[in-house]
Protein backbone atom coordinates (compact mmCIF):
# COMPACT_ATOMS: atom_id res chain seq x y z
CA MET A 1 34.41 32.10 -8.50
CA LEU A 2 35.24 29.30 -10.93
CA LEU A 3 38.60 30.84 -11.78
CA VAL A 4 39.55 31.11 -8.11
CA ILE A 5 38.57 27.53 -7.37
CA SER A 6 40.42 26.27 -10.44
CA LEU A 7 43.59 28.05 -9.36
CA ILE A 8 43.26 26.61 -5.87
CA SER A 9 42.84 23.18 -7.42
CA ILE A 10 46.09 23.51 -9.36
CA ALA A 11 47.92 24.71 -6.28
CA PHE A 12 46.73 21.76 -4.22
CA GLN A 13 47.55 19.22 -6.89
CA THR A 14 51.07 20.48 -7.42
CA SER A 15 51.72 20.54 -3.67
CA ILE A 16 50.98 16.83 -3.28
CA ASP A 17 53.48 14.41 -4.75
CA VAL A 18 52.22 10.89 -4.06
CA ASP A 19 52.65 7.84 -6.27
CA ARG A 20 49.41 6.08 -5.40
CA GLU A 21 49.14 2.73 -7.11
CA HIS A 22 46.18 2.60 -9.46
CA ARG A 23 44.35 -0.44 -8.20
CA LYS A 24 40.80 -1.68 -8.42
CA PHE A 25 38.51 -2.95 -5.68
CA PRO A 26 34.82 -3.91 -5.47
CA LEU A 27 32.31 -1.06 -5.49
CA GLU A 28 28.89 -0.51 -3.93
CA VAL A 29 26.31 0.93 -6.33
CA LEU A 30 23.50 3.32 -5.41
CA ALA A 31 20.89 3.29 -8.15
CA ASN A 32 17.15 3.81 -8.49
CA PRO A 33 14.87 1.63 -10.63
CA GLU A 34 14.46 4.63 -12.93
CA PRO A 35 16.00 8.11 -13.09
CA LEU A 36 14.83 10.47 -10.35
CA VAL A 37 12.75 12.98 -12.27
CA GLU A 38 9.23 14.24 -11.76
CA HIS A 39 6.40 12.53 -13.65
CA PRO A 40 3.36 14.85 -13.50
CA GLU A 41 1.98 13.13 -16.61
CA ARG A 42 1.35 9.99 -14.52
CA GLU A 43 -0.93 11.75 -12.04
CA ASN A 44 -4.15 10.60 -13.72
CA GLY A 45 -2.99 7.02 -14.24
CA THR A 46 -3.73 3.96 -12.12
CA LEU A 47 -1.60 3.90 -8.98
CA PRO A 48 0.02 0.64 -7.84
CA GLU A 49 -1.27 -1.03 -4.69
CA GLY A 50 0.50 0.33 -1.62
CA THR A 51 1.23 3.72 -3.15
CA ILE A 52 2.29 6.40 -0.67
CA ILE A 53 0.15 9.31 -1.78
CA THR A 54 1.98 12.08 0.08
CA ILE A 55 5.12 12.01 2.21
CA ASP A 56 7.24 14.77 3.72
CA THR A 57 10.93 13.83 3.64
CA THR A 58 12.29 17.05 5.15
CA ASN A 59 15.36 16.28 7.25
CA PRO A 60 14.18 16.20 10.89
CA TYR A 61 17.71 16.94 12.13
CA LYS A 62 18.48 20.04 10.10
CA GLN A 63 19.74 23.00 12.09
CA TRP A 64 21.14 25.24 9.39
CA TYR A 65 23.15 28.15 10.72
CA ASN A 66 21.24 31.34 9.93
CA GLY A 67 18.90 29.34 7.72
CA ASP A 68 21.44 28.35 5.07
CA PRO A 69 23.68 25.23 5.09
CA LEU A 70 26.31 27.20 3.16
CA ASN A 71 26.94 29.13 6.38
CA GLU A 72 28.10 25.91 8.05
CA TRP A 73 31.14 25.48 5.81
CA HIS A 74 33.56 27.08 8.26
CA ILE A 75 31.91 26.66 11.66
CA GLU A 76 31.98 24.04 14.39
CA GLU A 77 28.54 22.41 14.28
CA SER A 78 26.46 20.98 17.09
CA TYR A 79 23.08 19.39 17.76
CA LYS A 80 20.97 20.51 20.71
CA ASP A 81 24.01 22.18 22.29
CA LYS A 82 26.15 19.03 22.00
CA PRO A 83 29.21 19.85 19.86
CA ALA A 84 30.11 17.55 16.98
CA TRP A 85 33.51 16.61 18.34
CA ARG A 86 34.28 14.07 15.60
CA LYS A 87 35.56 15.53 12.30
CA LEU A 88 35.58 14.00 8.84
CA ASN A 89 38.02 15.94 6.68
CA LEU A 90 36.87 16.12 3.07
CA VAL A 91 38.00 17.30 -0.31
CA LEU A 92 35.02 18.16 -2.50
CA ALA A 93 35.92 17.83 -6.19
CA LEU A 94 33.67 18.98 -9.04
CA ASP A 95 34.26 18.13 -12.66
CA GLU A 96 33.62 20.77 -15.31
CA GLU A 97 30.11 19.46 -16.01
CA ALA A 98 29.20 19.57 -12.31
CA VAL A 99 30.40 23.16 -12.02
CA GLU A 100 28.27 24.14 -15.01
CA LYS A 101 25.21 22.10 -14.00
CA TRP A 102 24.97 22.71 -10.25
CA GLY A 103 27.67 25.18 -9.28
CA ILE A 104 30.03 25.22 -6.33
CA ASP A 105 27.63 26.82 -3.84
CA TYR A 106 24.96 24.16 -4.40
CA ALA A 107 27.53 21.37 -4.08
CA VAL A 108 28.81 22.75 -0.76
CA ARG A 109 25.25 23.26 0.50
CA THR A 110 24.39 19.66 -0.35
CA VAL A 111 27.38 18.23 1.51
CA GLU A 112 26.56 20.41 4.51
CA ARG A 113 22.92 19.25 4.36
CA ALA A 114 24.17 15.65 4.31
CA ASP A 115 25.96 15.79 7.65
CA GLU A 116 22.98 16.90 9.77
CA ALA A 117 21.98 13.34 10.70
CA PHE A 118 25.62 12.35 11.31
CA ILE A 119 25.91 15.26 13.75
CA ALA A 120 22.62 14.44 15.49
CA HIS A 121 23.29 10.72 15.87
CA TYR A 122 27.08 10.43 16.01
CA TYR A 123 28.41 14.03 16.59
CA LEU A 124 30.32 13.60 13.31
CA ASP A 125 30.81 16.84 11.37
CA PHE A 126 31.81 16.93 7.69
CA ARG A 127 34.60 19.49 7.30
CA ILE A 128 35.23 20.55 3.71
CA ARG A 129 38.93 21.41 3.77
CA ALA A 130 39.19 22.17 0.05
CA VAL A 131 36.98 22.55 -3.00
CA VAL A 132 38.80 21.61 -6.19
CA THR A 133 37.96 20.98 -9.82
CA TRP A 134 38.88 17.96 -11.90
CA HIS A 135 38.64 17.11 -15.57
CA SER A 136 36.61 13.97 -16.20
CA ASP A 137 37.31 12.06 -19.39
CA ASP A 138 34.53 13.13 -21.77
CA SER A 139 34.88 9.94 -23.81
CA ILE A 140 33.73 7.76 -20.90
CA GLU A 141 30.17 6.50 -21.39
CA TRP A 142 29.57 4.55 -18.16
CA PHE A 143 29.34 5.83 -14.60
CA TYR A 144 29.89 2.27 -13.36
CA ASP A 145 32.67 1.78 -13.25
CA ASP A 146 34.81 3.57 -15.83
CA LEU A 147 34.05 7.07 -14.56
CA TYR A 148 34.79 6.01 -10.98
CA TRP A 149 38.28 4.81 -11.88
CA ASP A 150 38.87 7.99 -13.85
CA ALA A 151 38.05 9.99 -10.70
CA PHE A 152 40.09 7.70 -8.46
CA GLU A 153 43.15 7.98 -10.67
CA LYS A 154 42.97 11.77 -10.70
CA LEU A 155 41.84 12.51 -7.14
CA SER A 156 43.04 9.72 -4.82
CA GLN A 157 46.28 11.66 -4.34
CA TYR A 158 44.47 13.72 -1.70
CA LEU A 159 43.59 10.72 0.47
CA GLY A 160 45.73 10.40 3.57
CA ASN A 161 47.65 13.58 2.71
CA TYR A 162 47.53 17.06 4.14
CA VAL A 163 45.56 19.87 2.52
CA ASN A 164 45.44 23.26 4.23
CA GLY A 165 46.95 21.62 7.31
CA TYR A 166 44.40 18.78 7.60
CA LYS A 167 44.82 15.11 6.82
CA ILE A 168 42.16 14.18 4.29
CA ASP A 169 39.90 11.24 5.12
CA VAL A 170 37.47 11.24 2.19
CA VAL A 171 37.17 12.64 -1.32
CA ILE A 172 33.68 13.35 -2.64
CA ALA A 173 34.00 13.49 -6.43
CA LEU A 174 30.96 15.10 -8.05
CA THR A 175 30.31 14.60 -11.74
CA GLY A 176 27.72 16.09 -14.04
CA GLN A 177 28.84 14.02 -16.99
CA GLU A 178 26.07 12.23 -18.88
CA THR A 179 26.41 8.44 -19.10
CA TRP A 180 24.27 5.58 -20.33
CA ASP A 181 23.58 4.38 -16.78
CA SER A 182 21.85 7.61 -15.74
CA ASN A 183 19.95 5.93 -12.87
CA ILE A 184 23.17 5.38 -10.88
CA TYR A 185 23.89 8.14 -8.38
CA GLY A 186 26.77 6.93 -6.26
CA LEU A 187 29.72 4.54 -6.09
CA ALA A 188 31.87 3.78 -3.07
CA PRO A 189 34.32 1.04 -2.02
CA SER A 190 32.75 -2.16 -0.70
CA PHE A 191 35.44 -2.35 1.94
CA ALA A 192 36.68 1.09 2.93
CA ILE A 193 40.05 1.89 4.48
CA MET A 194 39.84 5.46 5.73
CA GLY A 195 42.28 7.76 3.98
CA ASP A 196 43.35 5.06 1.53
CA ASN A 197 40.51 4.17 -0.85
CA THR A 198 37.72 6.32 0.60
CA LEU A 199 36.66 8.13 -2.54
CA THR A 200 33.03 8.27 -3.57
CA LEU A 201 31.78 9.29 -6.99
CA VAL A 202 28.43 11.08 -6.81
CA ARG A 203 25.95 12.40 -9.33
CA PHE A 204 23.18 14.68 -8.10
CA ALA A 205 19.63 13.93 -9.18
CA ILE A 206 16.99 16.15 -7.59
CA TYR A 207 17.10 18.49 -4.58
CA TRP A 208 15.25 16.29 -2.10
CA ALA A 209 17.49 13.27 -2.79
CA ASP A 210 20.89 14.89 -3.26
CA ASP A 211 21.78 15.15 0.42
CA ASN A 212 20.63 11.55 0.97
CA ILE A 213 22.93 10.38 -1.82
CA VAL A 214 25.90 11.97 -0.06
CA GLN A 215 24.78 10.65 3.34
CA HIS A 216 24.50 7.13 1.91
CA GLU A 217 27.88 7.21 0.18
CA VAL A 218 29.75 8.62 3.19
CA SER A 219 28.15 5.89 5.33
CA HIS A 220 29.99 3.37 3.17
CA MET A 221 33.26 4.92 4.35
CA TYR A 222 32.46 3.40 7.75
CA ASN A 223 31.74 0.02 6.11
CA THR A 224 28.00 0.00 6.48
CA ASN A 225 26.45 -2.40 3.98
CA ASP A 226 23.58 -1.92 1.54
CA HIS A 227 20.40 -3.73 2.56
CA PRO A 228 18.88 -5.77 -0.29
CA GLU A 229 15.63 -4.76 -1.92
CA GLU A 230 13.65 -7.59 -0.35
CA GLU A 231 14.60 -6.49 3.19
CA ASP A 232 11.82 -4.34 4.65
CA VAL A 233 13.83 -1.85 6.70
CA PHE A 234 13.86 1.95 6.85
CA CYS A 235 17.52 2.94 6.77
CA THR A 236 19.79 5.21 4.78
CA MET A 237 21.37 2.01 3.42
CA ALA A 238 18.05 0.38 2.42
CA TYR A 239 17.35 -0.60 -1.19
CA CYS A 240 13.69 -1.39 -0.48
CA THR A 241 11.45 0.74 -2.70
CA ASP A 242 8.10 2.48 -2.27
CA TYR A 243 5.91 3.95 -4.97
CA ILE A 244 5.44 7.61 -4.07
CA ALA A 245 3.03 10.02 -5.71
CA PHE A 246 3.71 13.39 -4.06
CA LEU A 247 6.90 14.05 -2.12
CA ILE A 248 7.45 17.17 -0.03
CA GLU A 249 10.80 18.47 1.18
CA ASP A 250 11.62 21.86 2.65
CA GLY A 251 8.16 23.07 1.69
CA LYS A 252 8.33 22.17 -2.01
CA ILE A 253 6.05 19.54 -3.60
CA TYR A 254 7.44 17.10 -6.18
CA ASP A 255 5.20 15.08 -8.53
CA MET A 256 7.26 11.88 -8.48
CA PHE A 257 4.86 9.01 -9.31
CA CYS A 258 7.60 6.37 -9.36
CA ASN A 259 9.38 3.79 -7.21
CA ILE A 260 11.99 5.34 -4.92
CA ARG A 261 14.56 3.54 -2.81
CA ARG A 262 14.38 4.28 0.89
CA ALA A 263 18.10 5.04 0.87
CA LEU A 264 17.25 8.14 -1.17
CA ARG A 265 14.93 9.60 1.47
CA ALA A 266 15.91 8.12 4.86
CA TYR A 267 17.95 10.09 7.39
CA ASP A 268 18.26 7.38 10.04
CA TRP A 269 20.29 4.20 10.25
CA CYS A 270 19.10 0.81 11.47
CA GLU A 271 20.46 -1.16 14.43
CA ARG A 272 22.70 -3.19 12.14
CA CYS A 273 24.44 -0.10 10.77
CA ASP A 274 24.69 1.76 14.07
CA PRO A 275 27.76 -0.07 15.48
CA TYR A 276 29.83 0.93 12.43
CA LEU A 277 29.09 4.60 12.92
CA HIS A 278 29.26 5.22 16.66
CA CYS A 279 32.31 6.45 18.50
CA SER A 280 33.90 3.07 19.15
CA GLY A 281 36.98 4.74 20.63
CA GLY A 282 34.97 6.18 23.50
CA CYS A 283 32.75 9.23 23.89
CA PRO A 284 33.15 12.36 26.03
CA SER A 285 31.39 12.55 29.35
CA GLY A 286 27.71 13.33 29.01
CA TYR A 287 27.31 11.64 25.64
CA HIS A 288 25.53 8.36 25.02
CA HIS A 289 28.07 5.85 23.69
CA SER A 290 26.38 5.19 20.35
CA HIS A 291 23.87 7.96 19.91
CA ALA A 292 24.06 11.72 20.27
CA LEU A 293 20.33 12.25 20.62
CA PRO A 294 19.10 12.93 24.17
CA VAL A 295 18.58 9.77 26.27
């Protein structure tokens, strides 16, 4: 599988000849106060005031085809019989560490898990048009922002160009490379221009959060803004944190016992974000203008 994907990667890269200026722009940072790992050793300690003892963060919008998001890679998705008529054409790029750590199937599954809320709310379907590999510079020690610019230099050639007959809107660059800032999970442009600078660098953390990381970063491609930590709002862009003891997703229990940003577990957007994501160009007959859920 790896050999096939690597060969496809080379073929794509040699078929695109674009001199994209290497330029820098401000980046949005998705981080957690501490790395997202389980802490069962904290179970018998004193819990902070306001602790959420148990919460189920299973995606309420998931409708996996035949029970597996991997099956959605090549199909036209829908939500409650309403087709997702908007398409976001993606290149998914894994560095060598990501291939070894998570594998291609898990990466594709995660991206397909991440579009469920987009489909339900905005009939926007992520279409992975190519899976490629890239070589991240092993000497880089910081995710922010050295590793981002390494990815942008090597992968931005896909943006705005055609791969397998589709014009690419977004590149999701996945890295498994270890860095000093291990609590950072995503970087995206502060001001996105679709097909120009819309590359996000992502690092997976733990199953229940990985799809939320992708959902958050792709939201930035529509110029939604992060909400500061002091703002008490439940939104996929919210930096407000809650201390959570036990977290459940897809039937599995995680002993977290740490502060977790709401952006890492929310599947909905707030009223401030909604206008950036709806179909501003007009919706088909029978669809609500800014929301795909039944009205």
